[in-house]
Amino acid sequence: MRTRILTLAIVAIGLSAGLFINRPARAVPTLSVEPQTFDIAVPPGRGLSTKIKISGISRSFLPGRLTVSPTLAPYVASIEPSVLPALPPSYVAGSTTNVKIVFAVATGTPPGVIDGGLLLNGKSILPMKLTIGELLYPPDPGEAGKETLEGIDSDGDGIRDDIQRYIEITYSDQPTARAGLRQMAQNHQAALLAANDRTASREIADEVSHSYECLEALGFGRFLGARLRAEVLNTTTRSRAYISYNQNLGGMVTEIPIIPSKNACKF
């Protein structure tokens, strides 16, 4: 009997002590923002739209207002959506929202680098850097830009964001080369997307050929185009699509001029 009473006493003490033990707190919801590195360049008198993906949104963050820091506000034309709505009662897991930000730099704005951030309810969730200058490129899409064949083209110019950045940054002091490579990048992108269509592949083939001719006519030779192609085919999926595209051209005859003409340039 004494043993049973002692056992009950020990259990009671253990239960009482448990009331004062710090239990693990519930996990605090966290936000994930892509791209993780945001640096963008816009020349004076131009605009550039880009997309940001915010994931892990929960009731802890909503409803919420999206703004940019005061340093960037003069250069942002719009944020859509600017208000993240409250979640429905049935909501359980985190969600994702795609946010479109349009940058616009007025003509005559002096060149420089502006640091700031994207804010949710006044708190920074993404550091941002805007370069005002002659170059024009979107933020780095990172690994998210490799997830699909088409990649990410946030400004809708027919050139993947990673390729646009490569051209603008690598050839920052060669505007003519940038123009020629942009033409080629658009045609390479179209070729990849046409890989499953023999007719479409043959239609774009002439444009791809003109891109190489343009670079040669500008005095850069074909090596510049070869370097760009290596950047374009940066995943297994894209390399396989390019092989399929070339297979679609079997038996096709393409004229290659002895003397390249600048008429092949579309700019």
Protein backbone atom coordinates (compact mmCIF):
# COMPACT_ATOMS: atom_id res chain seq x y z
CA MET A 1 0.00 0.00 0.00
CA ARG A 2 2.81 2.37 0.91
CA THR A 3 4.48 1.60 -2.44
CA ARG A 4 1.28 2.44 -4.32
CA ILE A 5 0.88 5.76 -2.49
CA LEU A 6 4.51 6.62 -3.23
CA THR A 7 4.04 5.84 -6.93
CA LEU A 8 0.93 8.03 -7.14
CA ALA A 9 2.78 10.86 -5.42
CA ILE A 10 5.63 10.66 -7.93
CA VAL A 11 3.16 10.70 -10.85
CA ALA A 12 1.36 13.70 -9.35
CA ILE A 13 4.63 15.58 -8.92
CA GLY A 14 5.58 14.76 -12.52
CA LEU A 15 2.27 16.04 -13.84
CA SER A 16 2.55 19.23 -11.81
CA ALA A 17 6.10 19.84 -13.00
CA GLY A 18 4.93 19.35 -16.56
CA LEU A 19 2.78 22.43 -16.26
CA PHE A 20 5.91 24.55 -15.94
CA ILE A 21 7.99 22.88 -18.64
CA ASN A 22 8.40 25.03 -21.74
CA ARG A 23 6.61 23.23 -24.54
CA PRO A 24 7.84 23.71 -28.13
CA ALA A 25 6.11 26.70 -29.66
CA ARG A 26 4.17 26.30 -32.83
CA ALA A 27 6.27 26.92 -35.91
CA VAL A 28 6.06 30.52 -37.00
CA PRO A 29 5.01 30.71 -40.66
CA THR A 30 7.79 31.98 -42.88
CA LEU A 31 7.70 33.63 -46.24
CA SER A 32 9.64 32.47 -49.27
CA VAL A 33 10.29 35.05 -51.97
CA GLU A 34 11.60 34.36 -55.47
CA PRO A 35 13.90 35.56 -56.84
CA GLN A 36 16.01 35.60 -53.70
CA THR A 37 18.45 38.07 -55.25
CA PHE A 38 16.82 41.09 -56.82
CA ASP A 39 18.91 43.49 -58.84
CA ILE A 40 17.40 45.14 -61.88
CA ALA A 41 18.66 47.71 -64.39
CA VAL A 42 16.48 50.21 -66.25
CA PRO A 43 17.72 53.08 -68.47
CA PRO A 44 16.25 56.59 -68.16
CA GLY A 45 13.07 56.96 -70.20
CA ARG A 46 12.34 53.23 -70.13
CA GLY A 47 10.24 50.81 -68.11
CA LEU A 48 10.54 47.17 -67.16
CA SER A 49 7.98 44.84 -65.61
CA THR A 50 8.95 41.87 -63.50
CA LYS A 51 7.27 39.16 -61.45
CA ILE A 52 7.93 38.08 -57.88
CA LYS A 53 6.57 34.91 -56.30
CA ILE A 54 5.68 35.05 -52.61
CA SER A 55 5.09 31.63 -51.02
CA GLY A 56 4.16 30.41 -47.55
CA ILE A 57 1.47 33.02 -47.06
CA SER A 58 -0.78 32.34 -44.05
CA ARG A 59 -3.16 34.16 -41.74
CA SER A 60 -0.12 35.43 -39.86
CA PHE A 61 0.68 37.67 -42.82
CA LEU A 62 -2.70 38.49 -44.31
CA PRO A 63 -4.37 40.77 -45.08
CA GLY A 64 -1.21 42.61 -46.04
CA ARG A 65 -0.17 45.63 -48.07
CA LEU A 66 2.77 45.46 -50.47
CA THR A 67 4.85 48.58 -50.99
CA VAL A 68 8.46 49.45 -51.71
CA SER A 69 10.82 51.47 -49.59
CA PRO A 70 10.73 55.27 -50.02
CA THR A 71 14.05 55.16 -51.92
CA LEU A 72 12.49 53.04 -54.69
CA ALA A 73 8.98 54.52 -54.68
CA PRO A 74 9.74 57.22 -57.33
CA TYR A 75 10.75 54.47 -59.78
CA VAL A 76 7.86 52.03 -59.29
CA ALA A 77 4.79 52.64 -61.47
CA SER A 78 2.64 49.87 -60.03
CA ILE A 79 2.46 46.78 -57.83
CA GLU A 80 -0.25 44.21 -58.62
CA PRO A 81 -1.74 43.06 -56.37
CA SER A 82 -0.78 45.74 -53.89
CA VAL A 83 -3.00 44.22 -51.20
CA LEU A 84 -2.91 40.52 -50.34
CA PRO A 85 -6.48 39.57 -49.35
CA ALA A 86 -7.53 37.84 -46.14
CA LEU A 87 -7.70 34.06 -46.37
CA PRO A 88 -11.01 32.11 -46.30
CA PRO A 89 -11.99 30.31 -43.07
CA SER A 90 -11.29 26.90 -44.66
CA TYR A 91 -7.70 27.85 -45.42
CA VAL A 92 -5.10 25.52 -43.87
CA ALA A 93 -1.80 25.35 -45.74
CA GLY A 94 0.45 28.06 -47.11
CA SER A 95 -0.23 29.56 -50.53
CA THR A 96 1.58 31.39 -53.31
CA THR A 97 0.90 34.78 -54.88
CA ASN A 98 2.51 36.13 -58.05
CA VAL A 99 3.18 39.85 -57.80
CA LYS A 100 3.87 42.05 -60.82
CA ILE A 101 6.04 45.11 -60.28
CA VAL A 102 6.48 47.70 -63.03
CA PHE A 103 9.56 49.93 -62.83
CA ALA A 104 9.58 53.20 -64.78
CA VAL A 105 12.52 55.62 -64.86
CA ALA A 106 11.85 59.14 -66.12
CA THR A 107 13.86 60.64 -68.96
CA GLY A 108 16.79 62.67 -67.67
CA THR A 109 17.15 60.71 -64.43
CA PRO A 110 20.85 60.67 -63.53
CA PRO A 111 22.56 57.26 -63.50
CA GLY A 112 23.14 55.57 -60.18
CA VAL A 113 22.33 52.63 -57.94
CA ILE A 114 19.27 52.76 -55.66
CA ASP A 115 19.01 50.35 -52.73
CA GLY A 116 15.72 49.52 -51.08
CA GLY A 117 13.30 46.68 -50.57
CA LEU A 118 9.87 45.19 -51.06
CA LEU A 119 7.75 45.67 -47.93
CA LEU A 120 4.86 43.65 -46.55
CA ASN A 121 2.92 45.64 -43.95
CA GLY A 122 5.92 47.94 -43.65
CA LYS A 123 8.48 45.19 -43.06
CA SER A 124 11.10 44.31 -45.66
CA ILE A 125 10.71 40.84 -47.18
CA LEU A 126 13.09 41.27 -50.15
CA PRO A 127 16.14 43.55 -50.51
CA MET A 128 16.08 45.24 -53.93
CA LYS A 129 18.67 47.10 -55.99
CA LEU A 130 17.81 49.28 -58.98
CA THR A 131 20.55 50.37 -61.36
CA ILE A 132 19.70 53.40 -63.48
CA GLY A 133 21.83 53.33 -66.60
CA GLU A 134 22.11 52.27 -70.23
CA LEU A 135 21.65 48.57 -69.57
CA LEU A 136 18.27 46.86 -69.34
CA TYR A 137 17.90 43.59 -67.47
CA PRO A 138 15.46 41.88 -65.09
CA PRO A 139 16.30 40.24 -61.74
CA ASP A 140 18.11 36.89 -61.65
CA PRO A 141 15.48 34.08 -61.74
CA GLY A 142 17.88 31.66 -60.03
CA GLU A 143 17.02 27.96 -60.00
CA ALA A 144 13.36 28.74 -60.65
CA GLY A 145 14.40 29.80 -64.16
CA LYS A 146 15.58 26.25 -64.92
CA GLU A 147 12.42 24.40 -63.91
CA THR A 148 10.70 24.53 -67.31
CA LEU A 149 11.72 24.51 -70.96
CA GLU A 150 10.54 28.08 -71.54
CA GLY A 151 12.05 29.43 -68.31
CA ILE A 152 11.07 32.85 -66.96
CA ASP A 153 10.54 35.87 -69.21
CA SER A 154 9.17 38.44 -66.76
CA ASP A 155 9.07 41.35 -69.23
CA GLY A 156 7.62 39.32 -72.11
CA ASP A 157 10.25 40.30 -74.71
CA GLY A 158 10.80 36.73 -75.94
CA ILE A 159 14.13 36.38 -74.13
CA ARG A 160 14.54 34.42 -70.91
CA ASP A 161 15.52 36.58 -67.95
CA ASP A 162 18.77 34.70 -67.35
CA ILE A 163 19.79 35.12 -70.99
CA GLN A 164 18.83 38.78 -71.03
CA ARG A 165 21.04 39.34 -67.98
CA TYR A 166 23.89 37.39 -69.57
CA ILE A 167 23.81 39.53 -72.71
CA GLU A 168 23.48 42.89 -70.97
CA ILE A 169 26.08 42.25 -68.28
CA THR A 170 28.66 40.32 -70.35
CA TYR A 171 28.63 42.81 -73.22
CA SER A 172 27.84 45.94 -71.25
CA ASP A 173 30.31 48.01 -73.29
CA GLN A 174 29.22 46.66 -76.70
CA PRO A 175 25.71 47.91 -77.59
CA THR A 176 25.87 46.52 -81.14
CA ALA A 177 26.78 43.06 -79.89
CA ARG A 178 23.93 43.21 -77.37
CA ALA A 179 21.45 44.06 -80.12
CA GLY A 180 22.64 41.18 -82.32
CA LEU A 181 22.58 38.70 -79.46
CA ARG A 182 19.10 39.75 -78.38
CA GLN A 183 17.87 38.95 -81.88
CA MET A 184 19.59 35.56 -81.72
CA ALA A 185 18.27 34.82 -78.22
CA GLN A 186 14.68 35.42 -79.34
CA ASN A 187 15.16 33.02 -82.26
CA HIS A 188 16.82 30.35 -80.12
CA GLN A 189 13.95 30.56 -77.65
CA ALA A 190 11.43 30.16 -80.47
CA ALA A 191 13.41 27.17 -81.80
CA LEU A 192 13.28 25.40 -78.44
CA LEU A 193 9.55 25.95 -78.10
CA ALA A 194 9.01 24.63 -81.65
CA ALA A 195 10.99 21.43 -81.04
CA ASN A 196 7.89 19.20 -81.18
CA ASP A 197 6.59 20.76 -84.38
CA ARG A 198 8.48 19.97 -87.60
CA THR A 199 6.78 22.69 -89.61
CA ALA A 200 7.36 25.36 -86.96
CA SER A 201 11.01 24.27 -86.61
CA ARG A 202 11.59 24.75 -90.31
CA GLU A 203 9.92 28.16 -90.25
CA ILE A 204 12.17 29.45 -87.47
CA ALA A 205 15.34 27.91 -88.95
CA ASP A 206 15.79 30.73 -91.47
CA GLU A 207 15.51 33.31 -88.67
CA VAL A 208 18.15 31.47 -86.64
CA SER A 209 20.42 31.47 -89.70
CA HIS A 210 19.84 35.21 -90.16
CA SER A 211 20.88 35.75 -86.54
CA TYR A 212 24.28 34.19 -87.18
CA GLU A 213 24.63 36.13 -90.42
CA CYS A 214 23.82 39.35 -88.58
CA LEU A 215 26.58 38.78 -86.01
CA GLU A 216 29.09 38.02 -88.77
CA ALA A 217 28.06 41.14 -90.69
CA LEU A 218 28.61 43.18 -87.53
CA GLY A 219 32.15 41.81 -87.34
CA PHE A 220 31.76 39.52 -84.34
CA GLY A 221 31.99 36.16 -86.08
CA ARG A 222 30.01 33.05 -85.18
CA PHE A 223 31.84 32.39 -81.89
CA LEU A 224 29.69 34.98 -80.12
CA GLY A 225 26.60 33.08 -81.18
CA ALA A 226 28.13 29.78 -80.05
CA ARG A 227 28.76 31.21 -76.59
CA LEU A 228 25.18 32.42 -76.38
CA ARG A 229 23.84 29.02 -77.48
CA ALA A 230 25.78 27.37 -74.64
CA GLU A 231 24.02 29.69 -72.18
CA VAL A 232 20.63 28.99 -73.74
CA LEU A 233 21.08 25.20 -73.49
CA ASN A 234 21.79 25.21 -69.76
CA THR A 235 19.55 22.27 -68.80
CA THR A 236 19.09 18.70 -70.04
CA THR A 237 15.54 19.49 -71.10
CA ARG A 238 16.67 22.42 -73.25
CA SER A 239 19.54 20.47 -74.79
CA ARG A 240 17.18 17.65 -75.76
CA ALA A 241 14.70 20.13 -77.23
CA TYR A 242 17.49 21.65 -79.32
CA ILE A 243 18.45 18.19 -80.62
CA SER A 244 14.81 17.57 -81.58
CA TYR A 245 14.68 20.95 -83.31
CA ASN A 246 17.76 20.08 -85.39
CA GLN A 247 16.34 16.67 -86.27
CA ASN A 248 13.27 18.44 -87.63
CA LEU A 249 15.53 20.22 -90.11
CA GLY A 250 16.72 17.00 -91.76
CA GLY A 251 16.75 17.36 -95.56
CA MET A 252 16.16 21.10 -95.40
CA VAL A 253 18.38 23.34 -97.54
CA THR A 254 19.41 26.74 -96.18
CA GLU A 255 21.33 29.33 -98.17
CA ILE A 256 24.43 30.72 -96.49
CA PRO A 257 25.66 33.92 -98.16
CA ILE A 258 29.38 34.19 -98.91
CA ILE A 259 29.37 37.81 -97.78
CA PRO A 260 27.20 38.38 -94.67
CA SER A 261 24.77 41.28 -94.99
CA LYS A 262 23.59 43.63 -92.26
CA ASN A 263 20.15 43.29 -93.82
CA ALA A 264 19.92 40.12 -91.74
CA CYS A 265 19.82 42.30 -88.63
CA LYS A 266 16.29 43.13 -87.50
CA PHE A 267 17.18 46.24 -85.49
